[in-house]
């Protein structure tokens, strides 16, 4: 008997000549030859009836028709079946499938079509799993799959959106402007639409897909540096350090603003990143960094001192005065004083009287570590 296998959209996929005594399981096996998916992942339907594996084809063959039409649906539910053995068999089947290289292009394309239909499944876990399998199966740059994944960024379920972002990272060509724009929009909408998981996933995806200096990505990062979530701000600063070229005006100003951030970890990160974005002696950065030497957080003060050591020009009067004030401050702790003395030696010319006076005063410090560092610094700057 002739069996016409159709997609869920009604398109004819393949016609098969099958023994009427064959079971539905036998038909699934035949179908799996024409798709990349094992029979375990296939479901056959007539009308609204899901066919059982043990049923025989002749039971469904209409007497007045020369053929039997069935609808094939790809189902991934077995990947998360409560039965551990079923899940294991499903994963093993997928692994075996992915390792085979003898499938034709048309066979692979049918499998992608079937997976793409799963992206409209009513169950979120099916949509998520379909995206994961698509990412493993499709070739990089496949426009049809990329478009489907981009559409899934609008899915109401956060985990589906995260899976779509992962798929885009794997399949999109580096620097693809369309995908960068879609991911950027996803990030902007995430706080009020999907939540924190999608916010972080979209940021990471943006970093993975964008090339260094991408204008749209830099604009997004510049704005995101003032996000209400301090953890997002830290991640954004890390990304800026990697993707933004030195001297980018808007981003530099945004980083300088973060030196006043309410979160101390953001202020520290901004100090670290600023060093990579400006040239030594930058007239905007030096005063802003000097102001952080009065920060209430000792770790921020130490980070500011390290940044000054990398950016201040030799004998920079503004920087030297700020460092000396930091050393003389009653709030200075041992670590801060030691770092300040070391940075002072890096930027002060030998014979600088202000620096020598501050170092000599540290010889009376109650902490022996500070005294030892002061002695070394005096030897260096008194020459």
Protein backbone atom coordinates (compact mmCIF):
# COMPACT_ATOMS: atom_id res chain seq x y z
CA UNK A 1 0.00 0.00 0.00
CA UNK A 2 1.05 3.59 -0.65
CA UNK A 3 1.62 5.79 2.42
CA UNK A 4 1.96 9.55 1.96
CA UNK A 5 3.86 11.18 4.82
CA UNK A 6 3.04 14.84 5.34
CA UNK A 7 4.45 17.55 7.58
CA UNK A 8 2.35 19.19 10.27
CA UNK A 9 1.80 22.05 7.79
CA UNK A 10 0.32 19.63 5.24
CA UNK A 11 3.31 19.52 2.89
CA UNK A 12 4.00 16.15 1.28
CA UNK A 13 7.36 14.93 2.56
CA UNK A 14 7.74 11.45 1.09
CA UNK A 15 5.72 8.58 -0.41
CA UNK A 16 6.41 5.03 0.72
CA UNK A 17 5.30 1.60 -0.49
CA UNK A 18 4.61 -0.40 2.66
CA UNK A 19 3.22 -3.85 3.48
CA UNK A 20 -0.34 -3.41 4.88
CA UNK A 21 0.57 -5.83 7.69
CA UNK A 22 3.43 -3.57 8.80
CA UNK A 23 3.12 -1.87 12.17
CA UNK A 24 3.30 1.83 12.91
CA UNK A 25 6.72 1.13 14.47
CA UNK A 26 7.82 -0.32 11.11
CA UNK A 27 6.60 2.81 9.33
CA UNK A 28 8.50 5.01 11.79
CA UNK A 29 11.65 3.07 11.02
CA UNK A 30 11.12 3.66 7.29
CA UNK A 31 10.52 7.36 7.93
CA UNK A 32 13.71 7.61 9.97
CA UNK A 33 15.64 6.60 6.83
CA UNK A 34 14.41 9.80 5.16
CA UNK A 35 15.05 12.00 8.19
CA UNK A 36 18.09 12.38 10.33
CA UNK A 37 16.13 11.47 13.46
CA UNK A 38 15.74 7.94 14.90
CA UNK A 39 12.26 6.45 15.15
CA UNK A 40 12.34 7.20 18.87
CA UNK A 41 11.79 10.88 18.07
CA UNK A 42 8.98 10.43 15.54
CA UNK A 43 5.24 10.52 16.09
CA UNK A 44 2.66 9.63 13.43
CA UNK A 45 -0.84 11.08 13.40
CA UNK A 46 -4.02 10.55 11.36
CA UNK A 47 -6.46 13.36 11.93
CA UNK A 48 -6.34 13.89 15.69
CA UNK A 49 -5.34 10.32 16.52
CA UNK A 50 -1.76 9.56 17.59
CA UNK A 51 -0.93 6.12 16.20
CA UNK A 52 0.39 3.44 18.54
CA UNK A 53 3.57 1.59 17.61
CA UNK A 54 1.79 -1.78 17.79
CA UNK A 55 -1.06 -0.79 15.43
CA UNK A 56 -1.05 -2.22 11.92
CA UNK A 57 -1.35 0.01 8.87
CA UNK A 58 -4.26 -1.84 7.25
CA UNK A 59 -6.46 -0.90 10.21
CA UNK A 60 -6.25 2.76 9.13
CA UNK A 61 -6.31 2.30 5.36
CA UNK A 62 -9.58 3.74 3.95
CA UNK A 63 -11.32 1.29 1.62
CA UNK A 64 -12.14 3.95 -0.96
CA UNK A 65 -8.59 5.34 -1.26
CA UNK A 66 -5.48 4.11 -3.00
CA UNK A 67 -3.24 5.65 -0.36
CA UNK A 68 -3.00 6.38 3.35
CA UNK A 69 -2.04 9.89 4.45
CA UNK A 70 -0.26 10.29 7.78
CA UNK A 71 1.26 13.32 9.48
CA UNK A 72 4.77 13.07 10.86
CA UNK A 73 5.66 15.11 13.94
CA UNK A 74 9.06 15.36 15.56
CA UNK A 75 8.83 15.03 19.33
CA UNK A 76 11.71 15.66 21.74
CA UNK A 77 9.86 14.92 24.95
CA UNK A 78 11.75 11.66 25.39
CA UNK A 79 14.86 13.72 26.19
CA UNK A 80 13.24 14.75 29.46
CA UNK A 81 11.14 11.65 30.13
CA UNK A 82 10.76 10.77 33.84
CA UNK A 83 12.15 7.33 33.01
CA UNK A 84 15.95 7.47 33.18
CA UNK A 85 16.30 4.62 30.68
CA UNK A 86 14.21 6.49 28.11
CA UNK A 87 16.26 9.66 28.59
CA UNK A 88 19.49 7.70 28.24
CA UNK A 89 18.30 5.96 25.07
CA UNK A 90 17.23 9.31 23.63
CA UNK A 91 20.55 10.97 24.30
CA UNK A 92 22.43 7.96 22.93
CA UNK A 93 20.30 8.08 19.77
CA UNK A 94 21.06 11.78 19.31
CA UNK A 95 24.77 11.19 19.87
CA UNK A 96 24.81 8.39 17.32
CA UNK A 97 22.89 10.54 14.87
CA UNK A 98 25.29 13.47 15.23
CA UNK A 99 28.29 11.21 14.59
CA UNK A 100 27.00 9.91 11.27
CA UNK A 101 28.28 11.59 8.11
CA UNK A 102 26.40 9.64 5.46
CA UNK A 103 23.19 11.68 5.38
CA UNK A 104 22.35 13.52 2.21
CA UNK A 105 21.77 17.27 2.12
CA UNK A 106 18.06 16.72 1.45
CA UNK A 107 17.81 14.38 4.44
CA UNK A 108 19.45 16.93 6.70
CA UNK A 109 17.19 19.66 5.33
CA UNK A 110 14.07 17.59 6.14
CA UNK A 111 15.34 17.13 9.67
CA UNK A 112 15.87 20.89 10.04
CA UNK A 113 12.35 21.54 8.74
CA UNK A 114 10.93 19.11 11.28
CA UNK A 115 12.93 20.73 14.07
CA UNK A 116 11.83 24.21 12.98
CA UNK A 117 8.21 23.11 13.32
CA UNK A 118 8.99 22.13 16.93
CA UNK A 119 9.83 25.78 17.62
CA UNK A 120 6.07 26.42 17.55
CA UNK A 121 5.27 23.55 19.91
CA UNK A 122 2.92 24.49 22.76
CA UNK A 123 5.35 23.01 25.30
CA UNK A 124 8.27 25.31 26.19
CA UNK A 125 10.65 22.41 26.89
CA UNK A 126 10.08 21.08 23.37
CA UNK A 127 10.88 24.48 21.89
CA UNK A 128 14.02 24.74 24.02
CA UNK A 129 15.23 21.26 23.13
CA UNK A 130 14.53 21.85 19.44
CA UNK A 131 16.78 24.91 19.54
CA UNK A 132 19.56 22.92 21.18
CA UNK A 133 19.39 20.16 18.59
CA UNK A 134 19.18 22.68 15.74
CA UNK A 135 22.35 24.35 16.99
CA UNK A 136 24.15 21.00 16.81
CA UNK A 137 22.75 20.01 13.43
CA UNK A 138 22.69 23.13 11.27
CA UNK A 139 25.75 24.55 9.56
CA UNK A 140 27.10 27.92 10.62
CA UNK A 141 25.47 30.75 8.71
CA UNK A 142 22.32 28.78 7.76
CA UNK A 143 19.98 31.71 7.11
CA UNK A 144 16.75 29.79 7.59
CA UNK A 145 17.82 28.45 10.98
CA UNK A 146 19.25 31.81 12.07
CA UNK A 147 15.95 33.50 11.23
CA UNK A 148 14.02 30.87 13.22
CA UNK A 149 16.35 31.32 16.22
CA UNK A 150 16.03 35.10 16.03
CA UNK A 151 12.22 34.80 16.06
CA UNK A 152 12.52 32.70 19.23
CA UNK A 153 14.07 35.69 21.01
CA UNK A 154 10.45 36.88 21.28
CA UNK A 155 9.35 33.66 23.01
CA UNK A 156 7.55 34.32 26.33
CA UNK A 157 9.61 31.67 28.16
CA UNK A 158 13.05 32.85 29.39
CA UNK A 159 14.69 29.43 29.03
CA UNK A 160 13.60 29.21 25.40
CA UNK A 161 15.10 32.64 24.75
CA UNK A 162 18.36 31.57 26.42
CA UNK A 163 18.47 28.47 24.20
CA UNK A 164 17.89 30.67 21.15
CA UNK A 165 20.76 32.93 22.20
CA UNK A 166 23.06 29.92 22.62
CA UNK A 167 22.07 28.69 19.16
CA UNK A 168 22.77 32.09 17.62
CA UNK A 169 26.21 32.17 19.22
CA UNK A 170 26.99 28.80 17.67
CA UNK A 171 25.50 29.42 14.22
CA UNK A 172 25.85 33.14 13.46
CA UNK A 173 28.83 34.40 11.52
CA UNK A 174 31.07 36.64 13.60
CA UNK A 175 30.03 40.28 13.20
CA UNK A 176 26.65 39.50 11.55
CA UNK A 177 24.92 42.94 11.81
CA UNK A 178 21.38 41.53 11.67
CA UNK A 179 22.00 39.08 14.52
CA UNK A 180 23.88 41.67 16.59
CA UNK A 181 20.89 43.98 16.24
CA UNK A 182 18.45 41.23 17.27
CA UNK A 183 20.54 40.23 20.29
CA UNK A 184 20.93 43.89 21.27
CA UNK A 185 17.17 44.38 21.19
CA UNK A 186 16.73 41.22 23.27
CA UNK A 187 19.10 42.63 25.90
CA UNK A 188 17.29 45.97 26.02
CA UNK A 189 13.88 44.31 26.48
CA UNK A 190 15.03 41.60 28.90
CA UNK A 191 14.63 43.47 32.23
CA UNK A 192 10.90 44.04 31.80
CA UNK A 193 10.12 41.11 29.50
CA UNK A 194 12.16 38.04 30.49
CA UNK A 195 14.28 38.79 33.54
CA UNK A 196 17.85 38.41 34.74
CA UNK A 197 18.73 35.10 33.04
CA UNK A 198 18.02 36.51 29.59
CA UNK A 199 19.78 39.78 30.46
CA UNK A 200 23.04 37.97 31.17
CA UNK A 201 22.63 35.46 28.34
CA UNK A 202 22.01 38.21 25.78
CA UNK A 203 25.03 40.17 27.00
CA UNK A 204 27.27 37.13 26.69
CA UNK A 205 25.83 36.41 23.23
CA UNK A 206 26.48 39.99 22.16
CA UNK A 207 30.09 39.62 23.23
CA UNK A 208 30.49 36.30 21.42
CA UNK A 209 29.00 37.49 18.12
CA UNK A 210 30.31 41.08 17.91
CA UNK A 211 33.68 41.98 16.49
CA UNK A 212 35.89 44.50 18.26
CA UNK A 213 34.81 48.09 17.66
CA UNK A 214 31.31 47.20 16.42
CA UNK A 215 29.43 50.49 16.68
CA UNK A 216 26.05 49.06 17.66
CA UNK A 217 27.58 46.79 20.30
CA UNK A 218 29.63 49.66 21.75
CA UNK A 219 26.55 51.88 21.95
CA UNK A 220 24.65 49.13 23.79
CA UNK A 221 27.53 48.55 26.20
CA UNK A 222 27.95 52.26 26.85
CA UNK A 223 24.29 52.56 27.84
CA UNK A 224 24.30 49.29 29.77
CA UNK A 225 27.22 50.43 31.92
CA UNK A 226 24.65 52.31 34.04
CA UNK A 227 22.23 49.38 34.34
CA UNK A 228 20.36 49.17 37.66
CA UNK A 229 21.86 45.72 38.33
CA UNK A 230 25.43 46.03 39.64
CA UNK A 231 26.35 42.56 38.40
CA UNK A 232 25.28 43.56 34.91
CA UNK A 233 27.41 46.70 35.19
CA UNK A 234 30.47 44.60 36.13
CA UNK A 235 29.90 42.23 33.20
CA UNK A 236 29.47 45.18 30.84
CA UNK A 237 32.73 46.70 32.05
CA UNK A 238 34.54 43.41 31.44
CA UNK A 239 33.14 43.31 27.91
CA UNK A 240 34.12 46.91 27.28
CA UNK A 241 37.70 46.03 28.18
CA UNK A 242 37.69 43.37 25.46
CA UNK A 243 35.60 44.89 22.64
CA UNK A 244 36.08 48.64 22.79
CA UNK A 245 39.21 50.10 21.18
CA UNK A 246 41.31 52.63 23.06
CA UNK A 247 40.13 56.23 22.99
CA UNK A 248 36.43 55.71 22.21
CA UNK A 249 35.02 58.99 23.53
CA UNK A 250 31.50 58.00 24.61
CA UNK A 251 32.64 54.80 26.29
CA UNK A 252 35.52 56.52 28.12
CA UNK A 253 33.09 59.08 29.54
CA UNK A 254 30.72 56.30 30.57
CA UNK A 255 33.54 54.49 32.40
CA UNK A 256 34.60 57.68 34.18
CA UNK A 257 30.99 58.05 35.36
CA UNK A 258 31.21 54.52 36.82
CA UNK A 259 34.02 55.70 39.10
CA UNK A 260 31.22 57.32 41.11
CA UNK A 261 29.11 54.14 41.14
CA UNK A 262 27.31 53.22 44.35
CA UNK A 263 28.76 49.68 44.23
CA UNK A 264 32.42 49.40 45.23
CA UNK A 265 33.02 46.38 42.97
CA UNK A 266 31.85 48.44 39.99
CA UNK A 267 34.15 51.34 40.95
CA UNK A 268 37.10 48.94 41.17
CA UNK A 269 36.29 47.34 37.83
CA UNK A 270 35.90 50.77 36.19
CA UNK A 271 39.37 51.75 37.44
CA UNK A 272 40.86 48.59 35.92
CA UNK A 273 39.11 49.03 32.56
CA UNK A 274 39.84 52.75 32.25
CA UNK A 275 43.56 52.01 32.06
CA UNK A 276 43.02 50.03 28.84
CA UNK A 277 40.92 52.77 27.21
CA UNK A 278 43.01 55.93 27.60
CA UNK A 279 46.56 57.03 26.95
CA UNK A 280 49.01 57.82 29.74
CA UNK A 281 48.45 61.33 31.07
CA UNK A 282 44.80 61.54 29.92
CA UNK A 283 43.49 64.84 31.31
CA UNK A 284 39.99 63.40 31.94
CA UNK A 285 41.05 60.19 33.60
CA UNK A 286 43.79 61.39 35.99
CA UNK A 287 41.61 63.79 38.07
CA UNK A 288 38.77 61.24 38.19
CA UNK A 289 41.15 58.54 39.44
CA UNK A 290 42.74 60.89 41.98
CA UNK A 291 39.28 61.56 43.42
CA UNK A 292 38.96 57.83 44.17
CA UNK A 293 41.96 58.03 46.53
CA UNK A 294 39.44 59.39 49.04
CA UNK A 295 37.06 56.48 48.47
CA UNK A 296 35.62 54.97 51.63
CA UNK A 297 36.55 51.50 50.42
CA UNK A 298 40.27 50.63 50.91
CA UNK A 299 40.22 48.19 47.96
CA UNK A 300 38.97 50.96 45.66
CA UNK A 301 41.71 53.29 46.93
CA UNK A 302 44.34 50.64 46.19
CA UNK A 303 42.90 50.08 42.70
CA UNK A 304 43.01 53.82 42.06
CA UNK A 305 46.67 53.92 43.13
CA UNK A 306 47.54 51.09 40.73
CA UNK A 307 45.72 52.88 37.92
CA UNK A 308 47.60 56.10 38.63
CA UNK A 309 50.88 54.21 38.50
CA UNK A 310 49.98 53.10 34.95
CA UNK A 311 48.52 56.38 33.66
CA UNK A 312 50.13 59.34 35.45
CA UNK A 313 53.02 61.06 33.68
CA UNK A 314 56.36 61.41 35.43
CA UNK A 315 56.23 64.02 38.19
CA UNK A 316 52.50 64.67 37.60
CA UNK A 317 51.88 67.25 40.34
CA UNK A 318 48.15 66.54 40.65
CA UNK A 319 48.72 62.81 41.03
CA UNK A 320 51.64 63.20 43.45
CA UNK A 321 49.70 65.53 45.76
CA UNK A 322 46.70 63.21 45.76
CA UNK A 323 48.91 60.20 46.59
CA UNK A 324 50.67 62.07 49.39
CA UNK A 325 47.31 63.11 50.87
CA UNK A 326 46.20 59.47 50.70
CA UNK A 327 49.28 58.33 52.62
CA UNK A 328 48.82 61.00 55.29
CA UNK A 329 45.12 60.26 55.70
CA UNK A 330 44.15 58.81 59.09
CA UNK A 331 41.90 56.36 57.22
CA UNK A 332 44.77 54.78 55.27
CA UNK A 333 45.39 51.13 56.06
CA UNK A 334 48.71 49.33 55.77
CA UNK A 335 48.10 47.87 52.31
CA UNK A 336 46.97 51.22 50.93
CA UNK A 337 50.01 53.03 52.35
CA UNK A 338 52.40 50.46 50.93
CA UNK A 339 50.85 50.62 47.47
CA UNK A 340 50.78 54.44 47.60
CA UNK A 341 54.48 54.60 48.48
CA UNK A 342 55.37 52.22 45.66
CA UNK A 343 53.34 54.21 43.11
CA UNK A 344 54.88 57.43 44.39
CA UNK A 345 58.33 56.03 43.62
CA UNK A 346 57.17 55.13 40.08
CA UNK A 347 55.99 58.60 39.06
CA UNK A 348 58.06 61.02 41.22
CA UNK A 349 61.40 62.29 40.01
CA UNK A 350 64.33 61.75 42.39
CA UNK A 351 64.69 64.66 44.77
CA UNK A 352 60.97 65.57 44.93
CA UNK A 353 60.83 67.20 48.35
CA UNK A 354 57.14 66.58 48.99
CA UNK A 355 57.53 62.88 48.30
CA UNK A 356 60.68 62.62 50.43
CA UNK A 357 58.93 64.31 53.36
CA UNK A 358 55.96 61.94 53.17
CA UNK A 359 58.21 58.89 52.95
CA UNK A 360 60.28 60.05 55.94
CA UNK A 361 57.12 60.53 57.98
CA UNK A 362 56.21 56.89 57.25
CA UNK A 363 59.40 55.80 59.02
CA UNK A 364 57.53 56.55 62.24
CA UNK A 365 54.55 54.41 61.29
CA UNK A 366 53.46 51.79 63.81
CA UNK A 367 53.39 49.10 61.12
CA UNK A 368 56.79 47.60 60.32
CA UNK A 369 55.74 46.73 56.76
CA UNK A 370 55.02 50.40 56.02
CA UNK A 371 58.39 51.35 57.55
CA UNK A 372 60.26 48.84 55.39
CA UNK A 373 58.58 50.06 52.19
CA UNK A 374 59.25 53.70 53.17
CA UNK A 375 62.93 52.92 53.63
CA UNK A 376 63.12 51.37 50.16
CA UNK A 377 61.29 54.31 48.59
CA UNK A 378 63.49 56.87 50.30
CA UNK A 379 66.56 55.14 48.91
CA UNK A 380 65.07 55.39 45.42
CA UNK A 381 63.78 58.98 45.41
CA UNK A 382 66.50 60.64 47.51
CA UNK A 383 69.18 60.04 44.89
